[in-house]
mmCIF file of all heavy atoms, coordinates in Angstrom:
data_MODEL
# 
_entry.id   MODEL 
# 
loop_
_atom_site.group_PDB 
_atom_site.id 
_atom_site.type_symbol 
_atom_site.label_atom_id 
_atom_site.label_alt_id 
_atom_site.label_comp_id 
_atom_site.label_asym_id 
_atom_site.label_entity_id 
_atom_site.label_seq_id 
_atom_site.pdbx_PDB_ins_code 
_atom_site.Cartn_x 
_atom_site.Cartn_y 
_atom_site.Cartn_z 
_atom_site.occupancy 
_atom_site.B_iso_or_equiv 
_atom_site.pdbx_formal_charge 
_atom_site.auth_seq_id 
_atom_site.auth_comp_id 
_atom_site.auth_asym_id 
_atom_site.auth_atom_id 
_atom_site.pdbx_PDB_model_num 
ATOM 1   N N   . ILE A 1 1  ? 132.651 135.192 88.762 1.00 0.00 ? 1  ILE A N   1 
ATOM 2   C CA  . ILE A 1 1  ? 131.758 134.623 87.740 1.00 0.00 ? 1  ILE A CA  1 
ATOM 3   C C   . ILE A 1 1  ? 131.555 133.133 87.996 1.00 0.00 ? 1  ILE A C   1 
ATOM 4   O O   . ILE A 1 1  ? 130.421 132.632 87.999 1.00 0.00 ? 1  ILE A O   1 
ATOM 5   C CB  . ILE A 1 1  ? 132.328 134.873 86.331 1.00 0.00 ? 1  ILE A CB  1 
ATOM 6   C CG1 . ILE A 1 1  ? 132.290 136.365 85.988 1.00 0.00 ? 1  ILE A CG1 1 
ATOM 7   C CG2 . ILE A 1 1  ? 131.566 134.060 85.284 1.00 0.00 ? 1  ILE A CG2 1 
ATOM 8   C CD1 . ILE A 1 1  ? 133.085 136.742 84.753 1.00 0.00 ? 1  ILE A CD1 1 
ATOM 9   N N   . ALA A 1 2  ? 132.648 132.416 88.220 1.00 0.00 ? 2  ALA A N   1 
ATOM 10  C CA  . ALA A 1 2  ? 132.559 130.971 88.462 1.00 0.00 ? 2  ALA A CA  1 
ATOM 11  C C   . ALA A 1 2  ? 131.744 130.681 89.719 1.00 0.00 ? 2  ALA A C   1 
ATOM 12  O O   . ALA A 1 2  ? 130.906 129.769 89.741 1.00 0.00 ? 2  ALA A O   1 
ATOM 13  C CB  . ALA A 1 2  ? 133.965 130.376 88.577 1.00 0.00 ? 2  ALA A CB  1 
ATOM 14  N N   . ASP A 1 3  ? 131.958 131.467 90.779 1.00 0.00 ? 3  ASP A N   1 
ATOM 15  C CA  . ASP A 1 3  ? 131.214 131.270 92.025 1.00 0.00 ? 3  ASP A CA  1 
ATOM 16  C C   . ASP A 1 3  ? 129.722 131.504 91.816 1.00 0.00 ? 3  ASP A C   1 
ATOM 17  O O   . ASP A 1 3  ? 128.879 130.783 92.360 1.00 0.00 ? 3  ASP A O   1 
ATOM 18  C CB  . ASP A 1 3  ? 131.728 132.222 93.113 1.00 0.00 ? 3  ASP A CB  1 
ATOM 19  C CG  . ASP A 1 3  ? 133.065 131.784 93.685 1.00 0.00 ? 3  ASP A CG  1 
ATOM 20  O OD1 . ASP A 1 3  ? 133.458 130.630 93.436 1.00 0.00 ? 3  ASP A OD1 1 
ATOM 21  O OD2 . ASP A 1 3  ? 133.716 132.600 94.367 1.00 0.00 ? 3  ASP A OD2 1 
ATOM 22  N N   . SER A 1 4  ? 129.392 132.535 91.019 1.00 0.00 ? 4  SER A N   1 
ATOM 23  C CA  . SER A 1 4  ? 127.971 132.851 90.816 1.00 0.00 ? 4  SER A CA  1 
ATOM 24  C C   . SER A 1 4  ? 127.269 131.758 89.999 1.00 0.00 ? 4  SER A C   1 
ATOM 25  O O   . SER A 1 4  ? 126.075 131.522 90.175 1.00 0.00 ? 4  SER A O   1 
ATOM 26  C CB  . SER A 1 4  ? 127.816 134.209 90.126 1.00 0.00 ? 4  SER A CB  1 
ATOM 27  O OG  . SER A 1 4  ? 128.171 134.138 88.764 1.00 0.00 ? 4  SER A OG  1 
ATOM 28  N N   . ILE A 1 5  ? 128.034 131.094 89.124 1.00 0.00 ? 5  ILE A N   1 
ATOM 29  C CA  . ILE A 1 5  ? 127.464 129.975 88.344 1.00 0.00 ? 5  ILE A CA  1 
ATOM 30  C C   . ILE A 1 5  ? 127.371 128.720 89.209 1.00 0.00 ? 5  ILE A C   1 
ATOM 31  O O   . ILE A 1 5  ? 126.402 127.963 89.130 1.00 0.00 ? 5  ILE A O   1 
ATOM 32  C CB  . ILE A 1 5  ? 128.329 129.683 87.104 1.00 0.00 ? 5  ILE A CB  1 
ATOM 33  C CG1 . ILE A 1 5  ? 128.335 130.882 86.157 1.00 0.00 ? 5  ILE A CG1 1 
ATOM 34  C CG2 . ILE A 1 5  ? 127.833 128.434 86.363 1.00 0.00 ? 5  ILE A CG2 1 
ATOM 35  C CD1 . ILE A 1 5  ? 129.361 130.768 85.035 1.00 0.00 ? 5  ILE A CD1 1 
ATOM 36  N N   . GLY A 1 6  ? 128.393 128.514 90.057 1.00 0.00 ? 6  GLY A N   1 
ATOM 37  C CA  . GLY A 1 6  ? 128.464 127.301 90.860 1.00 0.00 ? 6  GLY A CA  1 
ATOM 38  C C   . GLY A 1 6  ? 129.409 126.275 90.281 1.00 0.00 ? 6  GLY A C   1 
ATOM 39  O O   . GLY A 1 6  ? 129.191 125.069 90.410 1.00 0.00 ? 6  GLY A O   1 
ATOM 40  N N   . VAL A 1 7  ? 130.478 126.751 89.611 1.00 0.00 ? 7  VAL A N   1 
ATOM 41  C CA  . VAL A 1 7  ? 131.491 125.850 89.057 1.00 0.00 ? 7  VAL A CA  1 
ATOM 42  C C   . VAL A 1 7  ? 132.868 126.264 89.563 1.00 0.00 ? 7  VAL A C   1 
ATOM 43  O O   . VAL A 1 7  ? 133.064 127.388 90.035 1.00 0.00 ? 7  VAL A O   1 
ATOM 44  C CB  . VAL A 1 7  ? 131.494 125.870 87.502 1.00 0.00 ? 7  VAL A CB  1 
ATOM 45  C CG1 . VAL A 1 7  ? 130.166 125.390 86.954 1.00 0.00 ? 7  VAL A CG1 1 
ATOM 46  C CG2 . VAL A 1 7  ? 131.847 127.247 86.956 1.00 0.00 ? 7  VAL A CG2 1 
ATOM 47  N N   . ASP A 1 8  ? 133.813 125.352 89.466 1.00 0.00 ? 8  ASP A N   1 
ATOM 48  C CA  . ASP A 1 8  ? 135.209 125.686 89.738 1.00 0.00 ? 8  ASP A CA  1 
ATOM 49  C C   . ASP A 1 8  ? 135.846 126.174 88.444 1.00 0.00 ? 8  ASP A C   1 
ATOM 50  O O   . ASP A 1 8  ? 135.495 125.702 87.354 1.00 0.00 ? 8  ASP A O   1 
ATOM 51  C CB  . ASP A 1 8  ? 135.971 124.452 90.237 1.00 0.00 ? 8  ASP A CB  1 
ATOM 52  C CG  . ASP A 1 8  ? 135.462 123.976 91.591 1.00 0.00 ? 8  ASP A CG  1 
ATOM 53  O OD1 . ASP A 1 8  ? 135.198 124.832 92.458 1.00 0.00 ? 8  ASP A OD1 1 
ATOM 54  O OD2 . ASP A 1 8  ? 135.317 122.747 91.771 1.00 0.00 ? 8  ASP A OD2 1 
ATOM 55  N N   . LEU A 1 9  ? 136.779 127.107 88.565 1.00 0.00 ? 9  LEU A N   1 
ATOM 56  C CA  . LEU A 1 9  ? 137.509 127.548 87.378 1.00 0.00 ? 9  LEU A CA  1 
ATOM 57  C C   . LEU A 1 9  ? 138.302 126.384 86.792 1.00 0.00 ? 9  LEU A C   1 
ATOM 58  O O   . LEU A 1 9  ? 138.872 125.573 87.535 1.00 0.00 ? 9  LEU A O   1 
ATOM 59  C CB  . LEU A 1 9  ? 138.467 128.689 87.728 1.00 0.00 ? 9  LEU A CB  1 
ATOM 60  C CG  . LEU A 1 9  ? 137.885 130.102 87.791 1.00 0.00 ? 9  LEU A CG  1 
ATOM 61  C CD1 . LEU A 1 9  ? 138.972 131.101 88.197 1.00 0.00 ? 9  LEU A CD1 1 
ATOM 62  C CD2 . LEU A 1 9  ? 137.269 130.520 86.462 1.00 0.00 ? 9  LEU A CD2 1 
ATOM 63  N N   . GLY A 1 10 ? 138.325 126.309 85.465 1.00 0.00 ? 10 GLY A N   1 
ATOM 64  C CA  . GLY A 1 10 ? 139.103 125.274 84.799 1.00 0.00 ? 10 GLY A CA  1 
ATOM 65  C C   . GLY A 1 10 ? 140.591 125.442 85.051 1.00 0.00 ? 10 GLY A C   1 
ATOM 66  O O   . GLY A 1 10 ? 141.075 126.541 85.330 1.00 0.00 ? 10 GLY A O   1 
ATOM 67  N N   . LYS A 1 11 ? 141.303 124.340 84.942 1.00 0.00 ? 11 LYS A N   1 
ATOM 68  C CA  . LYS A 1 11 ? 142.745 124.368 85.217 1.00 0.00 ? 11 LYS A CA  1 
ATOM 69  C C   . LYS A 1 11 ? 143.521 124.573 83.916 1.00 0.00 ? 11 LYS A C   1 
ATOM 70  O O   . LYS A 1 11 ? 143.405 123.768 82.982 1.00 0.00 ? 11 LYS A O   1 
ATOM 71  C CB  . LYS A 1 11 ? 143.174 123.053 85.882 1.00 0.00 ? 11 LYS A CB  1 
ATOM 72  C CG  . LYS A 1 11 ? 142.544 122.808 87.246 1.00 0.00 ? 11 LYS A CG  1 
ATOM 73  C CD  . LYS A 1 11 ? 143.019 121.494 87.838 1.00 0.00 ? 11 LYS A CD  1 
ATOM 74  C CE  . LYS A 1 11 ? 142.443 121.246 89.218 1.00 0.00 ? 11 LYS A CE  1 
ATOM 75  N NZ  . LYS A 1 11 ? 140.964 121.128 89.199 1.00 0.00 ? 11 LYS A NZ  1 
ATOM 76  N N   . CYS A 1 12 ? 144.289 125.639 83.881 1.00 0.00 ? 12 CYS A N   1 
ATOM 77  C CA  . CYS A 1 12 ? 145.197 125.876 82.745 1.00 0.00 ? 12 CYS A CA  1 
ATOM 78  C C   . CYS A 1 12 ? 146.375 126.687 83.241 1.00 0.00 ? 12 CYS A C   1 
ATOM 79  O O   . CYS A 1 12 ? 146.292 127.351 84.275 1.00 0.00 ? 12 CYS A O   1 
ATOM 80  C CB  . CYS A 1 12 ? 144.480 126.598 81.599 1.00 0.00 ? 12 CYS A CB  1 
ATOM 81  S SG  . CYS A 1 12 ? 144.044 128.300 81.933 1.00 0.00 ? 12 CYS A SG  1 
ATOM 82  N N   . SER A 1 13 ? 147.458 126.618 82.513 1.00 0.00 ? 13 SER A N   1 
ATOM 83  C CA  . SER A 1 13 ? 148.655 127.383 82.893 1.00 0.00 ? 13 SER A CA  1 
ATOM 84  C C   . SER A 1 13 ? 149.063 128.278 81.734 1.00 0.00 ? 13 SER A C   1 
ATOM 85  O O   . SER A 1 13 ? 148.956 127.902 80.566 1.00 0.00 ? 13 SER A O   1 
ATOM 86  C CB  . SER A 1 13 ? 149.803 126.443 83.265 1.00 0.00 ? 13 SER A CB  1 
ATOM 87  O OG  . SER A 1 13 ? 150.165 125.640 82.154 1.00 0.00 ? 13 SER A OG  1 
ATOM 88  N N   . VAL A 1 14 ? 149.496 129.479 82.090 1.00 0.00 ? 14 VAL A N   1 
ATOM 89  C CA  . VAL A 1 14 ? 150.003 130.431 81.093 1.00 0.00 ? 14 VAL A CA  1 
ATOM 90  C C   . VAL A 1 14 ? 151.443 130.742 81.462 1.00 0.00 ? 14 VAL A C   1 
ATOM 91  O O   . VAL A 1 14 ? 151.709 131.355 82.499 1.00 0.00 ? 14 VAL A O   1 
ATOM 92  C CB  . VAL A 1 14 ? 149.168 131.731 81.075 1.00 0.00 ? 14 VAL A CB  1 
ATOM 93  C CG1 . VAL A 1 14 ? 149.682 132.666 79.985 1.00 0.00 ? 14 VAL A CG1 1 
ATOM 94  C CG2 . VAL A 1 14 ? 147.687 131.439 80.874 1.00 0.00 ? 14 VAL A CG2 1 
ATOM 95  N N   . LYS A 1 15 ? 152.367 130.298 80.621 1.00 0.00 ? 15 LYS A N   1 
ATOM 96  C CA  . LYS A 1 15 ? 153.792 130.498 80.897 1.00 0.00 ? 15 LYS A CA  1 
ATOM 97  C C   . LYS A 1 15 ? 154.429 131.260 79.747 1.00 0.00 ? 15 LYS A C   1 
ATOM 98  O O   . LYS A 1 15 ? 153.807 131.508 78.716 1.00 0.00 ? 15 LYS A O   1 
ATOM 99  C CB  . LYS A 1 15 ? 154.480 129.147 81.106 1.00 0.00 ? 15 LYS A CB  1 
ATOM 100 C CG  . LYS A 1 15 ? 153.927 128.357 82.301 1.00 0.00 ? 15 LYS A CG  1 
ATOM 101 C CD  . LYS A 1 15 ? 154.567 126.989 82.399 1.00 0.00 ? 15 LYS A CD  1 
ATOM 102 C CE  . LYS A 1 15 ? 153.976 126.197 83.569 1.00 0.00 ? 15 LYS A CE  1 
ATOM 103 N NZ  . LYS A 1 15 ? 154.492 124.813 83.620 1.00 0.00 ? 15 LYS A NZ  1 
ATOM 104 N N   . ARG A 1 16 ? 155.679 131.620 79.919 1.00 0.00 ? 16 ARG A N   1 
ATOM 105 C CA  . ARG A 1 16 ? 156.426 132.351 78.894 1.00 0.00 ? 16 ARG A CA  1 
ATOM 106 C C   . ARG A 1 16 ? 157.722 131.615 78.571 1.00 0.00 ? 16 ARG A C   1 
ATOM 107 O O   . ARG A 1 16 ? 158.402 131.114 79.467 1.00 0.00 ? 16 ARG A O   1 
ATOM 108 C CB  . ARG A 1 16 ? 156.796 133.768 79.375 1.00 0.00 ? 16 ARG A CB  1 
ATOM 109 C CG  . ARG A 1 16 ? 155.633 134.703 79.652 1.00 0.00 ? 16 ARG A CG  1 
ATOM 110 C CD  . ARG A 1 16 ? 154.979 135.177 78.360 1.00 0.00 ? 16 ARG A CD  1 
ATOM 111 N NE  . ARG A 1 16 ? 154.009 136.248 78.564 1.00 0.00 ? 16 ARG A NE  1 
ATOM 112 C CZ  . ARG A 1 16 ? 152.773 136.085 78.979 1.00 0.00 ? 16 ARG A CZ  1 
ATOM 113 N NH1 . ARG A 1 16 ? 152.346 134.872 79.302 1.00 0.00 ? 16 ARG A NH1 1 
ATOM 114 N NH2 . ARG A 1 16 ? 151.945 137.109 79.097 1.00 0.00 ? 16 ARG A NH2 1 
ATOM 115 N N   . PHE A 1 17 ? 158.042 131.550 77.288 1.00 0.00 ? 17 PHE A N   1 
ATOM 116 C CA  . PHE A 1 17 ? 159.387 131.140 76.900 1.00 0.00 ? 17 PHE A CA  1 
ATOM 117 C C   . PHE A 1 17 ? 160.344 132.286 77.242 1.00 0.00 ? 17 PHE A C   1 
ATOM 118 O O   . PHE A 1 17 ? 159.911 133.403 77.557 1.00 0.00 ? 17 PHE A O   1 
ATOM 119 C CB  . PHE A 1 17 ? 159.443 130.835 75.403 1.00 0.00 ? 17 PHE A CB  1 
ATOM 120 C CG  . PHE A 1 17 ? 158.743 129.559 75.012 1.00 0.00 ? 17 PHE A CG  1 
ATOM 121 C CD1 . PHE A 1 17 ? 157.516 129.595 74.365 1.00 0.00 ? 17 PHE A CD1 1 
ATOM 122 C CD2 . PHE A 1 17 ? 159.304 128.320 75.299 1.00 0.00 ? 17 PHE A CD2 1 
ATOM 123 C CE1 . PHE A 1 17 ? 156.862 128.433 73.996 1.00 0.00 ? 17 PHE A CE1 1 
ATOM 124 C CE2 . PHE A 1 17 ? 158.670 127.144 74.939 1.00 0.00 ? 17 PHE A CE2 1 
ATOM 125 C CZ  . PHE A 1 17 ? 157.441 127.195 74.287 1.00 0.00 ? 17 PHE A CZ  1 
ATOM 126 N N   . LYS A 1 18 ? 161.625 132.036 77.186 1.00 0.00 ? 18 LYS A N   1 
ATOM 127 C CA  . LYS A 1 18 ? 162.622 133.046 77.567 1.00 0.00 ? 18 LYS A CA  1 
ATOM 128 C C   . LYS A 1 18 ? 162.503 134.317 76.738 1.00 0.00 ? 18 LYS A C   1 
ATOM 129 O O   . LYS A 1 18 ? 162.821 135.408 77.203 1.00 0.00 ? 18 LYS A O   1 
ATOM 130 C CB  . LYS A 1 18 ? 164.041 132.470 77.432 1.00 0.00 ? 18 LYS A CB  1 
ATOM 131 C CG  . LYS A 1 18 ? 164.379 131.374 78.424 1.00 0.00 ? 18 LYS A CG  1 
ATOM 132 C CD  . LYS A 1 18 ? 164.449 131.904 79.850 1.00 0.00 ? 18 LYS A CD  1 
ATOM 133 C CE  . LYS A 1 18 ? 164.930 130.824 80.809 1.00 0.00 ? 18 LYS A CE  1 
ATOM 134 N NZ  . LYS A 1 18 ? 164.865 131.291 82.218 1.00 0.00 ? 18 LYS A NZ  1 
ATOM 135 N N   . ASP A 1 19 ? 162.048 134.177 75.480 1.00 0.00 ? 19 ASP A N   1 
ATOM 136 C CA  . ASP A 1 19 ? 161.955 135.366 74.628 1.00 0.00 ? 19 ASP A CA  1 
ATOM 137 C C   . ASP A 1 19 ? 160.593 136.054 74.737 1.00 0.00 ? 19 ASP A C   1 
ATOM 138 O O   . ASP A 1 19 ? 160.309 136.990 73.995 1.00 0.00 ? 19 ASP A O   1 
ATOM 139 C CB  . ASP A 1 19 ? 162.239 134.996 73.163 1.00 0.00 ? 19 ASP A CB  1 
ATOM 140 C CG  . ASP A 1 19 ? 161.206 134.033 72.594 1.00 0.00 ? 19 ASP A CG  1 
ATOM 141 O OD1 . ASP A 1 19 ? 160.363 133.535 73.379 1.00 0.00 ? 19 ASP A OD1 1 
ATOM 142 O OD2 . ASP A 1 19 ? 161.231 133.781 71.378 1.00 0.00 ? 19 ASP A OD2 1 
ATOM 143 N N   . GLY A 1 20 ? 159.747 135.587 75.666 1.00 0.00 ? 20 GLY A N   1 
ATOM 144 C CA  . GLY A 1 20 ? 158.470 136.243 75.882 1.00 0.00 ? 20 GLY A CA  1 
ATOM 145 C C   . GLY A 1 20 ? 157.295 135.579 75.194 1.00 0.00 ? 20 GLY A C   1 
ATOM 146 O O   . GLY A 1 20 ? 156.146 135.973 75.416 1.00 0.00 ? 20 GLY A O   1 
ATOM 147 N N   . GLU A 1 21 ? 157.540 134.584 74.341 1.00 0.00 ? 21 GLU A N   1 
ATOM 148 C CA  . GLU A 1 21 ? 156.428 133.881 73.692 1.00 0.00 ? 21 GLU A CA  1 
ATOM 149 C C   . GLU A 1 21 ? 155.540 133.221 74.733 1.00 0.00 ? 21 GLU A C   1 
ATOM 150 O O   . GLU A 1 21 ? 156.013 132.704 75.737 1.00 0.00 ? 21 GLU A O   1 
ATOM 151 C CB  . GLU A 1 21 ? 156.962 132.801 72.735 1.00 0.00 ? 21 GLU A CB  1 
ATOM 152 C CG  . GLU A 1 21 ? 157.478 133.324 71.421 1.00 0.00 ? 21 GLU A CG  1 
ATOM 153 C CD  . GLU A 1 21 ? 157.867 132.191 70.483 1.00 0.00 ? 21 GLU A CD  1 
ATOM 154 O OE1 . GLU A 1 21 ? 157.481 131.032 70.741 1.00 0.00 ? 21 GLU A OE1 1 
ATOM 155 O OE2 . GLU A 1 21 ? 158.577 132.473 69.502 1.00 0.00 ? 21 GLU A OE2 1 
ATOM 156 N N   . ILE A 1 22 ? 154.237 133.237 74.477 1.00 0.00 ? 22 ILE A N   1 
ATOM 157 C CA  . ILE A 1 22 ? 153.258 132.706 75.422 1.00 0.00 ? 22 ILE A CA  1 
ATOM 158 C C   . ILE A 1 22 ? 153.050 131.219 75.173 1.00 0.00 ? 22 ILE A C   1 
ATOM 159 O O   . ILE A 1 22 ? 152.891 130.782 74.036 1.00 0.00 ? 22 ILE A O   1 
ATOM 160 C CB  . ILE A 1 22 ? 151.922 133.464 75.291 1.00 0.00 ? 22 ILE A CB  1 
ATOM 161 C CG1 . ILE A 1 22 ? 152.121 134.936 75.660 1.00 0.00 ? 22 ILE A CG1 1 
ATOM 162 C CG2 . ILE A 1 22 ? 150.831 132.837 76.156 1.00 0.00 ? 22 ILE A CG2 1 
ATOM 163 C CD1 . ILE A 1 22 ? 151.012 135.845 75.188 1.00 0.00 ? 22 ILE A CD1 1 
ATOM 164 N N   . GLN A 1 23 ? 153.050 130.454 76.261 1.00 0.00 ? 23 GLN A N   1 
ATOM 165 C CA  . GLN A 1 23 ? 152.808 129.006 76.188 1.00 0.00 ? 23 GLN A CA  1 
ATOM 166 C C   . GLN A 1 23 ? 151.638 128.676 77.098 1.00 0.00 ? 23 GLN A C   1 
ATOM 167 O O   . GLN A 1 23 ? 151.659 128.970 78.300 1.00 0.00 ? 23 GLN A O   1 
ATOM 168 C CB  . GLN A 1 23 ? 154.055 128.242 76.641 1.00 0.00 ? 23 GLN A CB  1 
ATOM 169 C CG  . GLN A 1 23 ? 153.880 126.730 76.608 1.00 0.00 ? 23 GLN A CG  1 
ATOM 170 C CD  . GLN A 1 23 ? 155.060 125.999 77.228 1.00 0.00 ? 23 GLN A CD  1 
ATOM 171 O OE1 . GLN A 1 23 ? 155.748 126.542 78.094 1.00 0.00 ? 23 GLN A OE1 1 
ATOM 172 N NE2 . GLN A 1 23 ? 155.291 124.770 76.798 1.00 0.00 ? 23 GLN A NE2 1 
ATOM 173 N N   . ILE A 1 24 ? 150.584 128.101 76.540 1.00 0.00 ? 24 ILE A N   1 
ATOM 174 C CA  . ILE A 1 24 ? 149.380 127.769 77.310 1.00 0.00 ? 24 ILE A CA  1 
ATOM 175 C C   . ILE A 1 24 ? 149.170 126.267 77.308 1.00 0.00 ? 24 ILE A C   1 
ATOM 176 O O   . ILE A 1 24 ? 149.305 125.617 76.272 1.00 0.00 ? 24 ILE A O   1 
ATOM 177 C CB  . ILE A 1 24 ? 148.147 128.499 76.731 1.00 0.00 ? 24 ILE A CB  1 
ATOM 178 C CG1 . ILE A 1 24 ? 148.219 129.994 77.079 1.00 0.00 ? 24 ILE A CG1 1 
ATOM 179 C CG2 . ILE A 1 24 ? 146.843 127.894 77.256 1.00 0.00 ? 24 ILE A CG2 1 
ATOM 180 C CD1 . ILE A 1 24 ? 147.067 130.826 76.555 1.00 0.00 ? 24 ILE A CD1 1 
ATOM 181 N N   . ASN A 1 25 ? 148.825 125.734 78.482 1.00 0.00 ? 25 ASN A N   1 
ATOM 182 C CA  . ASN A 1 25 ? 148.508 124.317 78.589 1.00 0.00 ? 25 ASN A CA  1 
ATOM 183 C C   . ASN A 1 25 ? 147.190 124.167 79.333 1.00 0.00 ? 25 ASN A C   1 
ATOM 184 O O   . ASN A 1 25 ? 147.025 124.674 80.445 1.00 0.00 ? 25 ASN A O   1 
ATOM 185 C CB  . ASN A 1 25 ? 149.619 123.568 79.326 1.00 0.00 ? 25 ASN A CB  1 
ATOM 186 C CG  . ASN A 1 25 ? 149.350 122.080 79.357 1.00 0.00 ? 25 ASN A CG  1 
ATOM 187 O OD1 . ASN A 1 25 ? 148.869 121.498 78.385 1.00 0.00 ? 25 ASN A OD1 1 
ATOM 188 N ND2 . ASN A 1 25 ? 149.645 121.437 80.489 1.00 0.00 ? 25 ASN A ND2 1 
ATOM 189 N N   . ILE A 1 26 ? 146.210 123.494 78.719 1.00 0.00 ? 26 ILE A N   1 
ATOM 190 C CA  . ILE A 1 26 ? 144.930 123.213 79.369 1.00 0.00 ? 26 ILE A CA  1 
ATOM 191 C C   . ILE A 1 26 ? 145.095 121.895 80.121 1.00 0.00 ? 26 ILE A C   1 
ATOM 192 O O   . ILE A 1 26 ? 145.401 120.862 79.515 1.00 0.00 ? 26 ILE A O   1 
ATOM 193 C CB  . ILE A 1 26 ? 143.798 123.127 78.333 1.00 0.00 ? 26 ILE A CB  1 
ATOM 194 C CG1 . ILE A 1 26 ? 143.681 124.459 77.592 1.00 0.00 ? 26 ILE A CG1 1 
ATOM 195 C CG2 . ILE A 1 26 ? 142.473 122.767 79.000 1.00 0.00 ? 26 ILE A CG2 1 
ATOM 196 C CD1 . ILE A 1 26 ? 142.888 124.381 76.316 1.00 0.00 ? 26 ILE A CD1 1 
ATOM 197 N N   . GLU A 1 27 ? 144.892 121.937 81.436 1.00 0.00 ? 27 GLU A N   1 
ATOM 198 C CA  . GLU A 1 27 ? 145.277 120.821 82.293 1.00 0.00 ? 27 GLU A CA  1 
ATOM 199 C C   . GLU A 1 27 ? 144.103 119.930 82.692 1.00 0.00 ? 27 GLU A C   1 
ATOM 200 O O   . GLU A 1 27 ? 144.137 119.288 83.740 1.00 0.00 ? 27 GLU A O   1 
ATOM 201 C CB  . GLU A 1 27 ? 146.004 121.373 83.524 1.00 0.00 ? 27 GLU A CB  1 
ATOM 202 C CG  . GLU A 1 27 ? 147.301 122.075 83.132 1.00 0.00 ? 27 GLU A CG  1 
ATOM 203 C CD  . GLU A 1 27 ? 147.959 122.832 84.274 1.00 0.00 ? 27 GLU A CD  1 
ATOM 204 O OE1 . GLU A 1 27 ? 147.304 122.985 85.329 1.00 0.00 ? 27 GLU A OE1 1 
ATOM 205 O OE2 . GLU A 1 27 ? 149.109 123.268 84.105 1.00 0.00 ? 27 GLU A OE2 1 
ATOM 206 N N   . GLU A 1 28 ? 143.059 119.910 81.882 1.00 0.00 ? 28 GLU A N   1 
ATOM 207 C CA  . GLU A 1 28 ? 141.941 118.982 82.093 1.00 0.00 ? 28 GLU A CA  1 
ATOM 208 C C   . GLU A 1 28 ? 141.259 118.762 80.756 1.00 0.00 ? 28 GLU A C   1 
ATOM 209 O O   . GLU A 1 28 ? 141.402 119.579 79.835 1.00 0.00 ? 28 GLU A O   1 
ATOM 210 C CB  . GLU A 1 28 ? 140.954 119.529 83.129 1.00 0.00 ? 28 GLU A CB  1 
ATOM 211 C CG  . GLU A 1 28 ? 140.317 120.849 82.751 1.00 0.00 ? 28 GLU A CG  1 
ATOM 212 C CD  . GLU A 1 28 ? 139.411 121.360 83.859 1.00 0.00 ? 28 GLU A CD  1 
ATOM 213 O OE1 . GLU A 1 28 ? 138.208 121.016 83.838 1.00 0.00 ? 28 GLU A OE1 1 
ATOM 214 O OE2 . GLU A 1 28 ? 139.904 122.105 84.729 1.00 0.00 ? 28 GLU A OE2 1 
# 
């Protein structure tokens, strides 16, 4: 999708706490 538009995918990280909770950080 990003290639067809002509953009780079945004930078973000999806991590997990030890108990499985989701932690998201948008890096731009």
